[in-house]
Amino acid sequence: MFSPPKAPKVTVYIPTHNYGKYVDKAIHSVLNQTMDDWELIVIDDGSTDNTMEILEKYQGHPKIRILSQENRGLNVTNNIALRLSNGKYIMRLDADDYLDENALSVLSNTLDAKPEVGLVYPDYYHVNEEGDVIELVRRKKIGEEDQILDLPAHGACTMFRKEILMQIGGYLEDFSGQDGYDIWLRFIQKHKPYNVNIPLFYYRQHPASLTKDQKKLLETRREIKRRFVEQRLSGITLTVLGIVPAVRRSIYYQSDPFVEIAGKPLIWYTLNELQYCKSLDRIVLSSEDDEVLNYARQFPYITPMKRPPELAKTTVKMQDLILYVLDNLKQSAGYEPDAVCTLYINTPLRRAYHIDKAIDTMAIFDVDSVISIQEELAHCYHHRRFGLEPISKAEGIKVEREAIYKENSAIYLSKVDVIRQGRLIGDKVGHITMLPEESVKINSEFDLWLAESIITKWKKK
């Protein structure tokens, strides 16, 4: 009696577009695995280099399927591989990366041993264009060091249970990048991720790497969050009050509301931008100064509110001012929002979509607060007994839990419950990342010059 061939335990697939220089190494890293219960699908996505010449030598291999198609993009190719796969588990390997010989064994055995887990991912090595190891990257341990789950698994070299990946709908094909982030958001709503703190793949950094384009990456992630909230969290709506505090007696005269930047007063950049914000329910400008309040009245979506003298001092805590505004609105209009977003005027390059992204982040991850940050990539130090001591002592190791983030003061978003506890920031804190050119905070003449230069010159490039 005929019996069909046994399905492999793991499907690995490699999408490749003009990566003939690297794809052979990726394929060999699968062939060299210590476990052999796998199949490999390689899809050439419209390459114009020598990729197909490299792949032809694997035609006829009993465990490898080679496909060629017109260029259709990564996420379409991901879904094609998902439909063609026969494995119980599935993992993408990018053509410019390669696996440790134990990768499939460790990851698949983890899923075998933990039936409650739907995906698993490892630590990894960064390598340069030639394949030399630059650093070891340690990911936060889920459940111990990361409970918010706002740091997604890698788009590639993450092993899924195929049935779960099918259940959540596969990959959204209208996003050209960030497939891992979209999948992650849909996955964590109902399923449990897991990670192993063992480096099991080599992640190549070179000029063509998608992740080099930080601006595109952040824009795509913002679009993914917006769509997720609109389509997947339609039953969850946050009412958010925007508060713009504007004082005339700042210790930094350069952040006076009417200091001029590129022909406009500083305050204009915040108030004008707020008209494009989709997620703020109401917007209040709070000031002790009549000139500032009168200026705000030309913006019909802004409610000017004069603060009393006791709240006009530079030593007043922001949460006390917010409580005054909240109590005033509740008494006068019966209005009580779910959250408050504080927007200082001395960060003029913040955009409405940053605010929307922060509010989406709060809804998705159910955090108490969200702040805007920049990742600090330079080496940082503490001053100790014998002078400067590096914050991270491990050379050649990038530890995710030791990453340095600095707030840029552009966005402080907190639930009202946090504010009513007398705090500006709660216990569970999410974040949005902003680019350096978006994060200028006006505290000096240099900051003024830099902001004006970005507005007049950078944006025209």
Protein backbone atom coordinates (compact mmCIF):
# COMPACT_ATOMS: atom_id res chain seq x y z
CA MET A 1 0.00 0.00 0.00
CA PHE A 2 1.33 3.43 -0.96
CA SER A 3 2.05 5.79 1.95
CA PRO A 4 2.74 9.49 1.30
CA PRO A 5 6.14 10.82 2.28
CA LYS A 6 6.39 11.99 5.87
CA ALA A 7 6.06 15.76 6.27
CA PRO A 8 9.18 17.47 7.60
CA LYS A 9 9.20 18.89 11.08
CA VAL A 10 10.54 22.29 9.98
CA THR A 11 10.21 24.35 6.83
CA VAL A 12 12.94 26.93 6.27
CA TYR A 13 12.45 29.36 3.42
CA ILE A 14 14.85 31.87 1.93
CA PRO A 15 13.47 34.80 -0.08
CA THR A 16 16.20 36.41 -2.17
CA HIS A 17 16.39 39.46 -4.40
CA ASN A 18 19.80 40.28 -5.86
CA TYR A 19 21.64 38.56 -3.02
CA GLY A 20 23.65 36.19 -5.19
CA LYS A 21 26.70 37.29 -3.24
CA TYR A 22 25.33 35.83 0.00
CA VAL A 23 22.65 33.22 -0.74
CA ASP A 24 25.04 30.27 -1.08
CA LYS A 25 26.21 30.82 2.52
CA ALA A 26 22.61 30.94 3.74
CA ILE A 27 21.73 27.66 1.98
CA HIS A 28 24.82 25.90 3.29
CA SER A 29 23.95 26.96 6.83
CA VAL A 30 20.70 24.98 6.47
CA LEU A 31 22.43 21.99 4.89
CA ASN A 32 24.88 21.93 7.82
CA GLN A 33 22.23 21.69 10.55
CA THR A 34 22.70 19.04 13.24
CA MET A 35 19.06 17.99 12.80
CA ASP A 36 17.92 16.75 9.40
CA ASP A 37 14.12 16.79 9.67
CA TRP A 38 13.64 19.87 7.50
CA GLU A 39 12.81 21.13 4.02
CA LEU A 40 14.13 24.25 2.36
CA ILE A 41 12.27 26.50 -0.06
CA VAL A 42 14.32 29.16 -1.87
CA ILE A 43 12.37 31.81 -3.78
CA ASP A 44 14.20 34.09 -6.18
CA ASP A 45 12.10 37.26 -6.21
CA GLY A 46 12.99 38.72 -9.59
CA SER A 47 16.75 39.00 -9.15
CA THR A 48 18.78 40.61 -11.92
CA ASP A 49 22.20 39.50 -10.63
CA ASN A 50 23.68 35.99 -10.67
CA THR A 51 21.30 34.59 -8.05
CA MET A 52 19.72 31.98 -10.36
CA GLU A 53 23.16 30.76 -11.46
CA ILE A 54 23.97 30.10 -7.79
CA LEU A 55 20.63 28.38 -7.18
CA GLU A 56 20.77 26.09 -10.22
CA LYS A 57 23.29 23.79 -8.55
CA TYR A 58 20.67 22.94 -5.92
CA GLN A 59 18.02 21.95 -8.47
CA GLY A 60 17.16 18.31 -7.88
CA HIS A 61 18.28 18.25 -4.25
CA PRO A 62 15.75 16.01 -2.46
CA LYS A 63 15.15 18.49 0.38
CA ILE A 64 15.37 21.78 -1.52
CA ARG A 65 12.81 23.44 -3.78
CA ILE A 66 13.91 26.35 -5.99
CA LEU A 67 11.31 28.78 -7.32
CA SER A 68 11.71 31.84 -9.51
CA GLN A 69 9.17 34.65 -9.90
CA GLU A 70 8.86 38.24 -11.03
CA ASN A 71 9.65 40.71 -8.28
CA ARG A 72 6.66 40.77 -5.94
CA GLY A 73 8.14 41.98 -2.68
CA LEU A 74 8.99 40.36 0.64
CA ASN A 75 5.55 39.92 2.18
CA VAL A 76 3.98 38.42 -0.95
CA THR A 77 6.93 36.02 -1.08
CA ASN A 78 6.48 35.19 2.61
CA ASN A 79 2.87 34.19 1.98
CA ILE A 80 3.82 32.08 -1.05
CA ALA A 81 6.33 30.20 1.08
CA LEU A 82 3.75 29.77 3.83
CA ARG A 83 1.29 28.18 1.39
CA LEU A 84 3.95 25.89 -0.10
CA SER A 85 5.40 24.75 3.24
CA ASN A 86 4.85 21.25 4.59
CA GLY A 87 6.50 21.58 7.98
CA LYS A 88 4.84 21.70 11.37
CA TYR A 89 7.08 24.66 12.16
CA ILE A 90 8.21 27.37 9.76
CA MET A 91 11.06 29.90 9.79
CA ARG A 92 12.32 32.49 7.35
CA LEU A 93 16.03 32.90 6.77
CA ASP A 94 17.05 36.05 4.92
CA ALA A 95 19.44 35.42 2.03
CA ASP A 96 22.17 37.62 3.48
CA ASP A 97 22.08 35.95 6.92
CA TYR A 98 23.03 32.45 8.01
CA LEU A 99 22.33 29.99 10.82
CA ASP A 100 24.33 28.41 13.60
CA GLU A 101 24.41 24.65 13.00
CA ASN A 102 22.18 24.03 16.06
CA ALA A 103 19.53 26.63 15.26
CA LEU A 104 16.78 24.32 13.96
CA SER A 105 17.39 21.75 16.66
CA VAL A 106 17.23 24.20 19.56
CA LEU A 107 14.24 26.18 18.30
CA SER A 108 12.13 23.20 17.22
CA ASN A 109 12.88 21.31 20.44
CA THR A 110 11.74 24.38 22.39
CA LEU A 111 8.38 24.34 20.59
CA ASP A 112 8.14 20.58 21.16
CA ALA A 113 8.72 20.99 24.89
CA LYS A 114 6.44 24.03 25.31
CA PRO A 115 3.07 23.40 23.64
CA GLU A 116 1.72 26.67 25.04
CA VAL A 117 4.31 28.66 23.03
CA GLY A 118 3.52 29.74 19.48
CA LEU A 119 6.84 31.22 18.38
CA VAL A 120 10.42 31.19 19.57
CA TYR A 121 13.44 33.33 18.68
CA PRO A 122 17.10 33.43 19.77
CA ASP A 123 19.90 35.89 20.39
CA TYR A 124 22.20 36.53 17.41
CA TYR A 125 25.52 37.80 16.15
CA HIS A 126 25.94 40.96 14.11
CA VAL A 127 28.39 40.37 11.28
CA ASN A 128 29.81 42.77 8.72
CA GLU A 129 29.63 42.49 4.95
CA GLU A 130 32.51 40.00 4.93
CA GLY A 131 30.95 37.84 7.65
CA ASP A 132 33.21 38.91 10.51
CA VAL A 133 31.46 39.00 13.89
CA ILE A 134 30.99 42.57 15.15
CA GLU A 135 29.03 41.91 18.31
CA LEU A 136 26.76 39.49 20.14
CA VAL A 137 23.23 40.82 20.66
CA ARG A 138 21.41 39.61 23.78
CA ARG A 139 17.62 39.94 23.74
CA LYS A 140 15.53 40.60 26.84
CA LYS A 141 14.09 37.47 28.41
CA ILE A 142 10.33 37.38 27.94
CA GLY A 143 8.44 37.19 31.22
CA GLU A 144 11.48 38.11 33.30
CA GLU A 145 12.93 41.22 31.69
CA ASP A 146 10.07 42.05 29.31
CA GLN A 147 6.40 41.79 30.25
CA ILE A 148 5.00 44.57 28.05
CA LEU A 149 6.09 42.73 24.86
CA ASP A 150 6.78 45.96 22.99
CA LEU A 151 10.15 44.70 21.74
CA PRO A 152 9.22 42.37 18.86
CA ALA A 153 10.89 39.18 17.72
CA HIS A 154 13.06 39.32 14.62
CA GLY A 155 11.23 39.24 11.30
CA ALA A 156 13.56 36.43 10.22
CA CYS A 157 15.03 33.50 12.18
CA THR A 158 11.91 33.32 14.34
CA MET A 159 10.29 29.88 14.33
CA PHE A 160 6.47 29.71 14.31
CA ARG A 161 3.95 26.99 14.66
CA LYS A 162 2.63 27.06 11.11
CA GLU A 163 -1.00 26.61 12.14
CA ILE A 164 -0.86 29.76 14.28
CA LEU A 165 0.78 31.81 11.55
CA MET A 166 -2.04 30.71 9.23
CA GLN A 167 -4.70 31.46 11.85
CA ILE A 168 -3.57 35.06 12.33
CA GLY A 169 -3.74 35.64 8.58
CA GLY A 170 -0.16 35.43 7.38
CA TYR A 171 1.59 38.57 6.19
CA LEU A 172 -0.03 41.86 5.15
CA GLU A 173 1.08 42.28 1.56
CA ASP A 174 0.69 46.04 1.27
CA PHE A 175 3.57 46.71 3.66
CA SER A 176 6.92 46.52 1.92
CA GLY A 177 8.87 46.09 5.16
CA GLN A 178 8.38 45.51 8.88
CA ASP A 179 6.68 42.15 8.35
CA GLY A 180 7.95 41.03 11.75
CA TYR A 181 6.29 43.92 13.59
CA ASP A 182 2.87 43.44 12.03
CA ILE A 183 2.93 39.71 12.72
CA TRP A 184 4.11 40.35 16.28
CA LEU A 185 1.20 42.67 17.12
CA ARG A 186 -1.36 40.18 15.84
CA PHE A 187 0.39 37.23 17.45
CA ILE A 188 0.66 38.55 21.02
CA GLN A 189 -3.06 39.28 21.27
CA LYS A 190 -3.85 35.58 21.76
CA HIS A 191 -0.61 33.61 21.71
CA LYS A 192 2.51 33.26 23.81
CA PRO A 193 6.02 34.05 22.52
CA TYR A 194 9.24 32.68 23.97
CA ASN A 195 12.94 33.29 23.43
CA VAL A 196 16.14 31.44 24.14
CA ASN A 197 19.20 33.41 25.17
CA ILE A 198 21.53 31.53 22.85
CA PRO A 199 22.96 33.18 19.71
CA LEU A 200 21.75 31.00 16.84
CA PHE A 201 22.07 33.10 13.71
CA TYR A 202 24.33 35.63 12.05
CA TYR A 203 22.68 38.90 11.07
CA ARG A 204 24.61 40.67 8.35
CA GLN A 205 24.87 44.46 8.28
CA HIS A 206 25.79 45.97 4.91
CA PRO A 207 24.84 49.01 2.82
CA ALA A 208 21.72 47.36 1.33
CA SER A 209 20.26 46.25 4.67
CA LEU A 210 16.63 47.37 5.09
CA THR A 211 17.15 48.18 8.76
CA LYS A 212 19.71 50.83 7.82
CA ASP A 213 16.85 53.09 6.74
CA GLN A 214 15.64 54.12 10.19
CA LYS A 215 13.21 56.72 8.87
CA LYS A 216 11.40 54.24 6.63
CA LEU A 217 11.38 51.65 9.39
CA LEU A 218 9.74 54.03 11.89
CA GLU A 219 7.22 55.31 9.34
CA THR A 220 6.15 51.79 8.42
CA ARG A 221 5.87 50.77 12.07
CA ARG A 222 3.67 53.82 12.68
CA GLU A 223 1.37 52.81 9.81
CA ILE A 224 1.18 49.25 11.12
CA LYS A 225 0.16 50.46 14.58
CA ARG A 226 -2.50 52.79 13.16
CA ARG A 227 -4.06 50.04 11.06
CA PHE A 228 -3.89 47.58 13.93
CA VAL A 229 -5.78 49.93 16.24
CA GLU A 230 -8.38 50.73 13.58
CA GLN A 231 -9.00 47.15 12.47
CA ARG A 232 -8.09 44.95 15.44
CA LEU A 233 -8.86 47.18 18.42
CA SER A 234 -12.01 48.85 17.15
CA GLY A 235 -13.72 48.18 20.48
CA ILE A 236 -10.98 49.99 22.40
CA THR A 237 -11.09 53.77 22.14
CA LEU A 238 -9.09 56.09 24.36
CA THR A 239 -10.29 59.62 24.97
CA VAL A 240 -7.14 61.71 25.25
CA LEU A 241 -6.79 65.32 26.32
CA GLY A 242 -3.88 67.27 24.90
CA ILE A 243 -2.40 69.92 27.20
CA VAL A 244 0.02 72.54 25.89
CA PRO A 245 1.75 74.35 28.79
CA ALA A 246 3.17 77.71 27.71
CA VAL A 247 4.87 80.09 30.11
CA ARG A 248 6.56 83.47 29.60
CA ARG A 249 9.03 83.11 32.47
CA SER A 250 11.01 80.07 31.43
CA ILE A 251 14.57 79.81 32.75
CA TYR A 252 15.55 79.42 29.09
CA TYR A 253 14.69 82.66 27.29
CA GLN A 254 15.23 80.85 23.98
CA SER A 255 12.03 78.85 24.65
CA ASP A 256 9.80 81.91 25.03
CA PRO A 257 6.56 81.29 23.08
CA PHE A 258 7.24 84.23 20.76
CA VAL A 259 10.89 83.66 19.98
CA GLU A 260 11.16 83.49 16.19
CA ILE A 261 12.19 80.39 14.26
CA ALA A 262 12.18 80.54 10.45
CA GLY A 263 9.75 83.45 10.47
CA LYS A 264 7.23 81.90 12.89
CA PRO A 265 6.91 82.16 16.68
CA LEU A 266 8.00 79.04 18.54
CA ILE A 267 4.49 78.39 19.86
CA TRP A 268 3.08 78.29 16.31
CA TYR A 269 4.84 75.04 15.46
CA THR A 270 3.02 73.10 18.18
CA LEU A 271 -0.40 74.75 17.84
CA ASN A 272 -0.46 74.56 14.04
CA GLU A 273 0.59 70.91 13.97
CA LEU A 274 -2.15 69.83 16.39
CA GLN A 275 -4.85 70.36 13.76
CA TYR A 276 -3.56 67.24 11.99
CA CYS A 277 -3.70 65.01 15.06
CA LYS A 278 -6.35 62.28 14.71
CA SER A 279 -6.31 60.88 18.24
CA LEU A 280 -6.67 63.84 20.59
CA ASP A 281 -10.19 64.36 21.87
CA ARG A 282 -9.65 67.91 23.13
CA ILE A 283 -6.72 70.33 23.31
CA VAL A 284 -6.16 72.91 26.06
CA LEU A 285 -3.44 75.55 26.09
CA SER A 286 -2.60 76.55 29.66
CA SER A 287 -0.77 79.81 30.35
CA GLU A 288 -0.57 82.60 32.90
CA ASP A 289 0.04 85.14 30.11
CA ASP A 290 -2.79 86.98 28.33
CA GLU A 291 -0.75 87.50 25.16
CA VAL A 292 -0.18 83.75 24.86
CA LEU A 293 -3.85 83.01 25.55
CA ASN A 294 -4.98 85.54 22.93
CA TYR A 295 -2.56 84.08 20.38
CA ALA A 296 -4.02 80.62 20.96
CA ARG A 297 -7.54 81.86 20.20
CA GLN A 298 -6.73 82.10 16.49
CA PHE A 299 -6.60 78.28 16.45
CA PRO A 300 -10.26 77.18 16.69
CA TYR A 301 -9.44 73.66 17.90
CA ILE A 302 -7.48 74.99 20.91
CA THR A 303 -9.17 75.88 24.22
CA PRO A 304 -7.16 78.58 26.05
CA MET A 305 -7.25 78.25 29.85
CA LYS A 306 -5.64 80.77 32.17
CA ARG A 307 -3.79 79.19 35.03
CA PRO A 308 -4.03 80.75 38.51
CA PRO A 309 -0.99 82.56 40.00
CA GLU A 310 -0.10 79.67 42.30
CA LEU A 311 0.33 77.43 39.24
CA ALA A 312 2.35 79.99 37.27
CA LYS A 313 5.54 79.47 39.24
CA THR A 314 8.46 77.72 37.58
CA THR A 315 8.64 75.30 40.52
CA VAL A 316 5.11 73.94 40.01
CA LYS A 317 4.90 70.24 39.23
CA MET A 318 3.37 69.48 35.84
CA GLN A 319 0.99 66.94 37.35
CA ASP A 320 -0.50 69.67 39.57
CA LEU A 321 -1.20 71.82 36.52
CA ILE A 322 -2.74 68.84 34.72
CA LEU A 323 -4.98 68.12 37.72
CA TYR A 324 -6.15 71.75 37.68
CA VAL A 325 -7.08 71.47 33.99
CA LEU A 326 -8.81 68.11 34.53
CA ASP A 327 -10.85 69.38 37.47
CA ASN A 328 -11.78 72.53 35.57
CA LEU A 329 -13.03 70.56 32.55
CA LYS A 330 -14.90 68.06 34.70
CA GLN A 331 -16.67 70.81 36.58
CA SER A 332 -17.43 73.03 33.59
CA ALA A 333 -18.16 70.42 30.92
CA GLY A 334 -18.48 67.06 32.68
CA TYR A 335 -15.46 65.90 30.72
CA GLU A 336 -13.04 63.28 32.07
CA PRO A 337 -10.60 61.73 29.55
CA ASP A 338 -8.85 58.37 29.83
CA ALA A 339 -5.41 59.88 29.35
CA VAL A 340 -3.55 63.17 29.08
CA CYS A 341 -0.84 64.02 26.55
CA THR A 342 1.47 66.85 27.63
CA LEU A 343 3.05 68.72 24.72
CA TYR A 344 5.73 71.28 25.48
CA ILE A 345 6.20 74.08 22.93
CA ASN A 346 10.02 73.92 23.05
CA THR A 347 10.03 70.75 20.89
CA PRO A 348 8.84 72.34 17.64
CA LEU A 349 9.77 69.47 15.29
CA ARG A 350 7.35 66.99 16.82
CA ARG A 351 4.61 66.03 14.37
CA ALA A 352 0.96 65.10 14.79
CA TYR A 353 1.71 61.54 13.72
CA HIS A 354 4.11 61.16 16.65
CA ILE A 355 1.23 61.94 19.00
CA ASP A 356 -1.08 59.50 17.20
CA LYS A 357 1.61 56.83 17.37
CA ALA A 358 2.04 57.34 21.12
CA ILE A 359 -1.70 56.97 21.69
CA ASP A 360 -1.82 53.87 19.50
CA THR A 361 1.09 52.44 21.52
CA MET A 362 -0.85 52.96 24.76
CA ALA A 363 -3.89 51.18 23.32
CA ILE A 364 -1.96 48.24 21.87
CA PHE A 365 0.25 47.45 24.87
CA ASP A 366 -2.10 48.70 27.62
CA VAL A 367 0.64 50.67 29.35
CA ASP A 368 0.23 53.37 32.00
CA SER A 369 2.37 55.90 30.14
CA VAL A 370 4.13 56.46 26.82
CA ILE A 371 7.07 58.80 26.33
CA SER A 372 9.02 59.83 23.24
CA ILE A 373 12.67 58.86 23.20
CA GLN A 374 15.89 58.66 21.23
CA GLU A 375 18.12 55.64 21.46
CA GLU A 376 21.59 56.67 22.61
CA LEU A 377 24.09 54.78 20.48
CA ALA A 378 27.26 56.36 21.90
CA HIS A 379 29.15 54.83 24.83
CA CYS A 380 27.80 56.22 28.10
CA TYR A 381 29.45 56.45 31.50
CA HIS A 382 28.71 56.89 35.22
CA HIS A 383 31.03 58.91 37.41
CA ARG A 384 32.25 56.56 40.12
CA ARG A 385 34.93 56.66 42.80
CA PHE A 386 37.78 56.41 40.31
CA GLY A 387 36.25 58.60 37.64
CA LEU A 388 34.26 57.50 34.61
CA GLU A 389 33.00 53.95 34.43
CA PRO A 390 31.18 52.60 31.36
CA ILE A 391 27.53 51.75 31.90
CA SER A 392 27.99 48.55 29.90
CA LYS A 393 31.23 46.75 30.66
CA ALA A 394 30.79 43.92 28.17
CA GLU A 395 32.91 44.57 25.10
CA GLY A 396 31.57 43.17 21.86
CA ILE A 397 28.18 42.42 23.43
CA LYS A 398 25.08 44.51 22.84
CA VAL A 399 22.69 43.71 25.66
CA GLU A 400 19.11 44.77 24.91
CA ARG A 401 18.33 45.21 28.60
CA GLU A 402 21.22 47.71 28.87
CA ALA A 403 20.23 49.83 25.87
CA ILE A 404 20.20 53.55 26.74
CA TYR A 405 17.14 55.62 25.88
CA LYS A 406 16.89 59.34 26.53
CA GLU A 407 13.61 61.22 26.63
CA ASN A 408 13.36 64.12 24.22
CA SER A 409 10.48 65.87 26.05
CA ALA A 410 8.27 65.90 22.94
CA ILE A 411 5.51 63.64 24.29
CA TYR A 412 4.41 62.65 27.79
CA LEU A 413 1.26 60.55 27.65
CA SER A 414 -0.23 59.08 30.84
CA LYS A 415 -3.54 57.66 31.94
CA VAL A 416 -5.59 59.91 34.18
CA ASP A 417 -5.38 57.36 37.02
CA VAL A 418 -1.61 57.92 37.07
CA ILE A 419 -2.00 61.70 37.17
CA ARG A 420 -4.53 61.49 40.00
CA GLN A 421 -1.96 59.53 41.98
CA GLY A 422 0.26 62.61 41.79
CA ARG A 423 2.63 61.12 39.18
CA LEU A 424 3.48 62.18 35.66
CA ILE A 425 4.74 58.72 34.59
CA GLY A 426 3.24 55.38 35.65
CA ASP A 427 4.77 51.98 36.34
CA LYS A 428 4.29 50.38 32.89
CA VAL A 429 5.94 52.71 30.40
CA GLY A 430 5.83 52.32 26.63
CA HIS A 431 7.75 54.45 24.18
CA ILE A 432 7.95 55.76 20.66
CA THR A 433 11.28 56.38 18.99
CA MET A 434 11.91 59.69 17.25
CA LEU A 435 14.77 60.60 14.95
CA PRO A 436 17.43 63.10 16.04
CA GLU A 437 16.19 65.67 13.53
CA GLU A 438 12.70 65.43 15.08
CA SER A 439 13.87 65.65 18.68
CA VAL A 440 15.45 69.10 19.03
CA LYS A 441 14.57 70.69 22.37
CA ILE A 442 14.99 74.49 22.49
CA ASN A 443 17.09 75.41 25.52
CA SER A 444 19.92 77.43 23.95
CA GLU A 445 20.96 79.59 21.02
CA PHE A 446 22.47 76.52 19.40
CA ASP A 447 19.14 74.68 19.69
CA LEU A 448 17.40 77.62 18.02
CA TRP A 449 19.94 77.62 15.19
CA LEU A 450 19.67 73.86 14.79
CA ALA A 451 15.86 73.86 14.69
CA GLU A 452 15.80 76.69 12.14
CA SER A 453 18.41 74.93 10.01
CA ILE A 454 16.39 71.72 9.99
CA ILE A 455 13.16 73.56 9.13
CA THR A 456 14.68 75.65 6.35
CA LYS A 457 17.31 73.33 4.91
CA TRP A 458 16.98 69.72 6.05
CA LYS A 459 13.37 69.29 5.00
CA LYS A 460 14.14 70.60 1.52
CA LYS A 461 16.67 67.87 0.77
